[in-house]
Each structure stands twice: as structure tokens, then as C-alpha cells.
Amino acid sequence: MSHSPSYGVTLLEVLIAWSILSGILLSVLFLQIDEVRHIRHAYYYSVATVQLRSLIERLRANQTSVAREREWRDWNNENKGVLPQGERNYRCERRICHVTVHWRERKIQTLSLVAAV
């Protein structure tokens, strides 16, 4: 009874095929994880843009300092719920307002808007 030498070669071929398939699947997994990060960044950037424009419109609608402080507080409370570790500030000089929002993803992100109110 003689053994065929192809048994070992077939097992080696299967192991190589499995390692190639595993490498491909891991690459696809890492691409998907990276894509989720990009989608999350785009979402937070969109939210920050909407929030900045919202504050500018609120400041335009409310010209008194008391009303602006109330709108500022309300806007801050909204931001706490929609941006992770969101920090914001604004300053108005004459009729020009500078509004900035910072939030943290993997690193700190910043978005600013300057507008006449």
C-alpha cells in the first residue's frame, strides 16, 4: 500500500487559501470601520453647521442682551445633547458675531462662523 504524496500538498493549499481569505475579510472589515468613522464625522460636521446657523438666526431675531443670553443658554443646552463634548463660544462686536463650536471625535474638531446680525 503506497500513500499518495498529494495529501500534504492539498492540506497546504487549503491553509494558504484560508489565510488569503482571512486577510481579505479583515481588510474589508477595517474598510467598513473606517467608513463608519467618516460617516460619523460628516454627521457631526453637519450638526455643528446647523447649530451655528441656528444661533446666528436667533441672534438676529433677538437684539436685546437679555434675549440673546436666553437664546445662548438654550442653544448651549441643545448642543450638549447633539455634539460629543461640545464646547462653544460667541462674541459680538457691533453687528458682527463670531461663533465657534468645538467637539471631540478622535481629536478635537472646530467649526466657526462669522456673520452680521
N, C-alpha and C. Protein backbone atom coordinates (compact mmCIF):
# COMPACT_ATOMS: atom_id res chain seq x y z
N MET A 1 0.82 -1.17 0.00
CA MET A 1 0.00 0.00 0.00
C MET A 1 0.88 1.25 0.00
N SER A 2 0.76 2.02 -0.98
CA SER A 2 1.56 3.24 -1.04
C SER A 2 0.66 4.44 -0.83
N HIS A 3 1.21 5.43 -0.17
CA HIS A 3 0.45 6.67 0.08
C HIS A 3 0.74 7.68 -1.02
N SER A 4 -0.30 8.37 -1.37
CA SER A 4 -0.13 9.40 -2.40
C SER A 4 0.46 10.65 -1.77
N PRO A 5 1.47 11.26 -2.35
CA PRO A 5 2.09 12.45 -1.77
C PRO A 5 1.22 13.70 -1.91
N SER A 6 0.07 13.61 -2.57
CA SER A 6 -0.76 14.80 -2.79
C SER A 6 -1.58 15.18 -1.56
N TYR A 7 -1.68 14.31 -0.54
CA TYR A 7 -2.46 14.65 0.65
C TYR A 7 -1.90 15.86 1.37
N GLY A 8 -0.63 15.90 1.59
CA GLY A 8 0.00 17.03 2.27
C GLY A 8 -0.07 18.31 1.46
N VAL A 9 0.07 18.21 0.18
CA VAL A 9 0.00 19.38 -0.68
C VAL A 9 -1.40 19.96 -0.65
N THR A 10 -2.42 19.14 -0.64
CA THR A 10 -3.80 19.61 -0.59
C THR A 10 -4.07 20.34 0.71
N LEU A 11 -3.60 19.81 1.82
CA LEU A 11 -3.78 20.48 3.10
C LEU A 11 -3.07 21.82 3.12
N LEU A 12 -1.88 21.86 2.56
CA LEU A 12 -1.14 23.12 2.48
C LEU A 12 -1.89 24.13 1.61
N GLU A 13 -2.45 23.68 0.51
CA GLU A 13 -3.23 24.57 -0.35
C GLU A 13 -4.45 25.12 0.37
N VAL A 14 -5.11 24.30 1.16
CA VAL A 14 -6.28 24.74 1.93
C VAL A 14 -5.87 25.78 2.96
N LEU A 15 -4.76 25.56 3.65
CA LEU A 15 -4.29 26.53 4.64
C LEU A 15 -3.93 27.86 3.99
N ILE A 16 -3.30 27.82 2.84
CA ILE A 16 -2.95 29.06 2.14
C ILE A 16 -4.23 29.78 1.70
N ALA A 17 -5.18 29.04 1.17
CA ALA A 17 -6.45 29.65 0.74
C ALA A 17 -7.17 30.29 1.93
N TRP A 18 -7.19 29.61 3.08
CA TRP A 18 -7.83 30.17 4.27
C TRP A 18 -7.13 31.44 4.74
N SER A 19 -5.81 31.44 4.68
CA SER A 19 -5.09 32.63 5.13
C SER A 19 -5.34 33.80 4.17
N ILE A 20 -5.41 33.55 2.88
CA ILE A 20 -5.71 34.62 1.92
C ILE A 20 -7.13 35.13 2.15
N LEU A 21 -8.08 34.23 2.31
CA LEU A 21 -9.47 34.62 2.57
C LEU A 21 -9.59 35.41 3.87
N SER A 22 -8.88 34.99 4.90
CA SER A 22 -8.90 35.72 6.18
C SER A 22 -8.35 37.13 6.01
N GLY A 23 -7.26 37.26 5.27
CA GLY A 23 -6.68 38.58 5.02
C GLY A 23 -7.64 39.49 4.28
N ILE A 24 -8.32 38.95 3.28
CA ILE A 24 -9.29 39.74 2.52
C ILE A 24 -10.45 40.17 3.42
N LEU A 25 -10.97 39.26 4.21
CA LEU A 25 -12.10 39.59 5.10
C LEU A 25 -11.70 40.62 6.15
N LEU A 26 -10.50 40.52 6.69
CA LEU A 26 -10.03 41.52 7.65
C LEU A 26 -9.88 42.89 6.98
N SER A 27 -9.40 42.91 5.76
CA SER A 27 -9.28 44.18 5.03
C SER A 27 -10.65 44.82 4.83
N VAL A 28 -11.63 44.03 4.45
CA VAL A 28 -12.99 44.55 4.26
C VAL A 28 -13.54 45.06 5.58
N LEU A 29 -13.29 44.35 6.66
CA LEU A 29 -13.76 44.78 7.98
C LEU A 29 -13.16 46.13 8.36
N PHE A 30 -11.86 46.28 8.17
CA PHE A 30 -11.21 47.55 8.51
C PHE A 30 -11.70 48.69 7.63
N LEU A 31 -11.98 48.41 6.37
CA LEU A 31 -12.55 49.44 5.49
C LEU A 31 -13.93 49.87 5.98
N GLN A 32 -14.74 48.93 6.44
CA GLN A 32 -16.07 49.26 6.95
C GLN A 32 -15.97 50.10 8.22
N ILE A 33 -15.06 49.76 9.10
CA ILE A 33 -14.88 50.53 10.33
C ILE A 33 -14.44 51.95 10.00
N ASP A 34 -13.53 52.10 9.06
CA ASP A 34 -13.08 53.43 8.65
C ASP A 34 -14.22 54.22 8.02
N GLU A 35 -15.06 53.56 7.25
CA GLU A 35 -16.20 54.23 6.63
C GLU A 35 -17.19 54.73 7.69
N VAL A 36 -17.41 53.95 8.72
CA VAL A 36 -18.30 54.38 9.80
C VAL A 36 -17.74 55.62 10.48
N ARG A 37 -16.44 55.69 10.67
CA ARG A 37 -15.82 56.89 11.25
C ARG A 37 -16.05 58.11 10.37
N HIS A 38 -15.90 57.94 9.08
CA HIS A 38 -16.11 59.06 8.15
C HIS A 38 -17.57 59.52 8.16
N ILE A 39 -18.48 58.58 8.20
CA ILE A 39 -19.91 58.93 8.24
C ILE A 39 -20.23 59.67 9.53
N ARG A 40 -19.69 59.22 10.65
CA ARG A 40 -19.93 59.88 11.93
C ARG A 40 -19.36 61.30 11.91
N HIS A 41 -18.16 61.47 11.34
CA HIS A 41 -17.57 62.80 11.25
C HIS A 41 -18.44 63.72 10.39
N ALA A 42 -18.93 63.23 9.27
CA ALA A 42 -19.79 64.04 8.41
C ALA A 42 -21.08 64.41 9.13
N TYR A 43 -21.61 63.49 9.92
CA TYR A 43 -22.83 63.77 10.68
C TYR A 43 -22.58 64.89 11.69
N TYR A 44 -21.52 64.78 12.48
CA TYR A 44 -21.24 65.81 13.48
C TYR A 44 -20.93 67.16 12.84
N TYR A 45 -20.26 67.14 11.71
CA TYR A 45 -19.96 68.38 10.99
C TYR A 45 -21.26 69.04 10.53
N SER A 46 -22.18 68.24 10.03
CA SER A 46 -23.48 68.77 9.60
C SER A 46 -24.26 69.33 10.78
N VAL A 47 -24.25 68.62 11.89
CA VAL A 47 -24.95 69.10 13.09
C VAL A 47 -24.35 70.42 13.55
N ALA A 48 -23.03 70.50 13.57
CA ALA A 48 -22.37 71.74 14.00
C ALA A 48 -22.72 72.90 13.07
N THR A 49 -22.78 72.64 11.78
CA THR A 49 -23.14 73.69 10.82
C THR A 49 -24.56 74.18 11.06
N VAL A 50 -25.48 73.26 11.25
CA VAL A 50 -26.87 73.65 11.52
C VAL A 50 -26.96 74.42 12.83
N GLN A 51 -26.24 73.97 13.84
CA GLN A 51 -26.28 74.66 15.14
C GLN A 51 -25.71 76.08 15.03
N LEU A 52 -24.63 76.25 14.31
CA LEU A 52 -24.06 77.59 14.14
C LEU A 52 -25.04 78.52 13.43
N ARG A 53 -25.63 78.04 12.37
CA ARG A 53 -26.59 78.87 11.64
C ARG A 53 -27.82 79.16 12.49
N SER A 54 -28.21 78.20 13.29
CA SER A 54 -29.35 78.40 14.19
C SER A 54 -29.08 79.52 15.18
N LEU A 55 -27.88 79.53 15.76
CA LEU A 55 -27.57 80.59 16.72
C LEU A 55 -27.53 81.95 16.04
N ILE A 56 -26.96 82.03 14.86
CA ILE A 56 -26.92 83.31 14.15
C ILE A 56 -28.34 83.81 13.90
N GLU A 57 -29.24 82.94 13.49
CA GLU A 57 -30.63 83.36 13.27
C GLU A 57 -31.29 83.80 14.57
N ARG A 58 -30.99 83.11 15.65
CA ARG A 58 -31.54 83.51 16.95
C ARG A 58 -31.02 84.87 17.37
N LEU A 59 -29.73 85.10 17.13
CA LEU A 59 -29.16 86.40 17.49
C LEU A 59 -29.74 87.52 16.63
N ARG A 60 -30.01 87.22 15.38
CA ARG A 60 -30.63 88.22 14.50
C ARG A 60 -32.05 88.55 14.96
N ALA A 61 -32.75 87.54 15.44
CA ALA A 61 -34.14 87.75 15.85
C ALA A 61 -34.25 88.44 17.20
N ASN A 62 -33.24 88.29 18.04
CA ASN A 62 -33.27 88.84 19.40
C ASN A 62 -32.14 89.85 19.54
N GLN A 63 -32.46 91.10 19.52
CA GLN A 63 -31.45 92.15 19.53
C GLN A 63 -31.08 92.61 20.94
N THR A 64 -31.89 92.33 21.95
CA THR A 64 -31.56 92.79 23.30
C THR A 64 -30.59 91.81 23.95
N SER A 65 -29.81 92.31 24.89
CA SER A 65 -28.81 91.45 25.54
C SER A 65 -29.47 90.37 26.39
N VAL A 66 -30.60 90.68 27.02
CA VAL A 66 -31.29 89.68 27.84
C VAL A 66 -31.80 88.54 26.96
N ALA A 67 -32.41 88.89 25.84
CA ALA A 67 -32.92 87.86 24.93
C ALA A 67 -31.77 87.04 24.34
N ARG A 68 -30.67 87.70 24.02
CA ARG A 68 -29.52 86.97 23.47
C ARG A 68 -28.92 86.00 24.48
N GLU A 69 -28.86 86.40 25.74
CA GLU A 69 -28.35 85.50 26.78
C GLU A 69 -29.26 84.29 26.94
N ARG A 70 -30.56 84.50 26.87
CA ARG A 70 -31.51 83.38 26.97
C ARG A 70 -31.32 82.43 25.78
N GLU A 71 -31.21 83.00 24.59
CA GLU A 71 -31.01 82.17 23.40
C GLU A 71 -29.68 81.42 23.48
N TRP A 72 -28.66 82.08 24.01
CA TRP A 72 -27.34 81.46 24.17
C TRP A 72 -27.42 80.25 25.10
N ARG A 73 -28.13 80.41 26.23
CA ARG A 73 -28.30 79.29 27.17
C ARG A 73 -29.06 78.14 26.51
N ASP A 74 -30.16 78.48 25.83
CA ASP A 74 -30.95 77.43 25.17
C ASP A 74 -30.12 76.71 24.11
N TRP A 75 -29.36 77.46 23.36
CA TRP A 75 -28.52 76.89 22.31
C TRP A 75 -27.45 75.98 22.91
N ASN A 76 -26.85 76.41 24.02
CA ASN A 76 -25.85 75.58 24.70
C ASN A 76 -26.44 74.26 25.16
N ASN A 77 -27.65 74.32 25.72
CA ASN A 77 -28.31 73.10 26.18
C ASN A 77 -28.58 72.15 25.01
N GLU A 78 -28.98 72.69 23.88
CA GLU A 78 -29.20 71.84 22.70
C GLU A 78 -27.90 71.19 22.25
N ASN A 79 -26.82 71.96 22.25
CA ASN A 79 -25.53 71.43 21.79
C ASN A 79 -25.02 70.31 22.67
N LYS A 80 -25.29 70.38 23.95
CA LYS A 80 -24.82 69.33 24.85
C LYS A 80 -25.40 67.98 24.46
N GLY A 81 -26.60 67.99 23.88
CA GLY A 81 -27.24 66.74 23.51
C GLY A 81 -26.87 66.22 22.13
N VAL A 82 -26.32 67.08 21.27
CA VAL A 82 -26.09 66.64 19.89
C VAL A 82 -24.63 66.54 19.48
N LEU A 83 -23.72 67.16 20.21
CA LEU A 83 -22.30 67.08 19.88
C LEU A 83 -21.52 66.50 21.06
N PRO A 84 -20.66 65.51 20.82
CA PRO A 84 -19.91 64.90 21.92
C PRO A 84 -18.88 65.87 22.49
N GLN A 85 -18.97 66.10 23.77
CA GLN A 85 -18.08 67.01 24.49
C GLN A 85 -18.03 68.37 23.80
N GLY A 86 -19.20 68.82 23.38
CA GLY A 86 -19.27 70.08 22.65
C GLY A 86 -19.00 71.29 23.53
N GLU A 87 -18.16 72.16 23.05
CA GLU A 87 -17.90 73.45 23.69
C GLU A 87 -18.15 74.52 22.65
N ARG A 88 -18.66 75.65 23.10
CA ARG A 88 -18.99 76.69 22.15
C ARG A 88 -18.75 78.05 22.75
N ASN A 89 -18.54 79.01 21.91
CA ASN A 89 -18.42 80.38 22.39
C ASN A 89 -18.82 81.33 21.27
N TYR A 90 -19.18 82.52 21.69
CA TYR A 90 -19.50 83.53 20.69
C TYR A 90 -19.17 84.89 21.26
N ARG A 91 -18.93 85.82 20.35
CA ARG A 91 -18.75 87.20 20.76
C ARG A 91 -19.27 88.08 19.63
N CYS A 92 -19.90 89.14 20.02
CA CYS A 92 -20.43 90.07 19.03
C CYS A 92 -19.79 91.43 19.26
N GLU A 93 -19.29 92.00 18.20
CA GLU A 93 -18.74 93.35 18.23
C GLU A 93 -19.53 94.16 17.22
N ARG A 94 -20.22 95.14 17.72
CA ARG A 94 -21.15 95.92 16.90
C ARG A 94 -22.18 94.97 16.32
N ARG A 95 -22.20 94.77 15.04
CA ARG A 95 -23.21 93.89 14.44
C ARG A 95 -22.58 92.64 13.80
N ILE A 96 -21.32 92.37 14.14
CA ILE A 96 -20.63 91.19 13.62
C ILE A 96 -20.44 90.20 14.77
N CYS A 97 -20.91 88.97 14.56
CA CYS A 97 -20.78 87.94 15.59
C CYS A 97 -19.88 86.81 15.09
N HIS A 98 -19.01 86.36 15.99
CA HIS A 98 -18.11 85.23 15.75
C HIS A 98 -18.61 84.08 16.62
N VAL A 99 -18.99 82.99 16.00
CA VAL A 99 -19.50 81.83 16.73
C VAL A 99 -18.60 80.64 16.41
N THR A 100 -18.18 79.91 17.45
CA THR A 100 -17.30 78.76 17.26
C THR A 100 -17.83 77.58 18.07
N VAL A 101 -17.75 76.40 17.47
CA VAL A 101 -18.14 75.17 18.14
C VAL A 101 -16.96 74.21 18.08
N HIS A 102 -16.66 73.58 19.21
CA HIS A 102 -15.62 72.54 19.29
C HIS A 102 -16.30 71.26 19.77
N TRP A 103 -15.92 70.15 19.23
CA TRP A 103 -16.39 68.86 19.71
C TRP A 103 -15.28 67.85 19.53
N ARG A 104 -15.42 66.72 20.22
CA ARG A 104 -14.35 65.72 20.19
C ARG A 104 -14.87 64.44 19.54
N GLU A 105 -14.11 64.03 18.55
CA GLU A 105 -14.30 62.70 17.99
C GLU A 105 -13.05 61.93 18.41
N ARG A 106 -12.17 61.61 17.47
CA ARG A 106 -10.88 61.06 17.86
C ARG A 106 -9.95 62.18 18.29
N LYS A 107 -10.14 63.35 17.71
CA LYS A 107 -9.42 64.54 18.12
C LYS A 107 -10.40 65.70 18.10
N ILE A 108 -9.99 66.84 18.58
CA ILE A 108 -10.88 67.99 18.68
C ILE A 108 -11.15 68.56 17.29
N GLN A 109 -12.41 68.78 17.00
CA GLN A 109 -12.84 69.38 15.75
C GLN A 109 -13.37 70.78 16.04
N THR A 110 -13.19 71.71 15.12
CA THR A 110 -13.63 73.09 15.31
C THR A 110 -14.32 73.58 14.05
N LEU A 111 -15.41 74.30 14.26
CA LEU A 111 -16.11 74.94 13.15
C LEU A 111 -16.51 76.33 13.60
N SER A 112 -16.24 77.33 12.77
CA SER A 112 -16.52 78.72 13.12
C SER A 112 -17.37 79.37 12.04
N LEU A 113 -18.10 80.41 12.47
CA LEU A 113 -18.92 81.17 11.55
C LEU A 113 -18.89 82.63 11.97
N VAL A 114 -18.70 83.50 11.02
CA VAL A 114 -18.73 84.94 11.26
C VAL A 114 -19.88 85.49 10.42
N ALA A 115 -20.77 86.24 11.07
CA ALA A 115 -21.93 86.76 10.34
C ALA A 115 -22.37 88.09 10.91
N ALA A 116 -23.02 88.86 10.07
CA ALA A 116 -23.62 90.12 10.51
C ALA A 116 -25.01 89.81 11.06
N VAL A 117 -25.30 90.40 12.22
CA VAL A 117 -26.62 90.18 12.82
C VAL A 117 -27.39 91.47 12.94
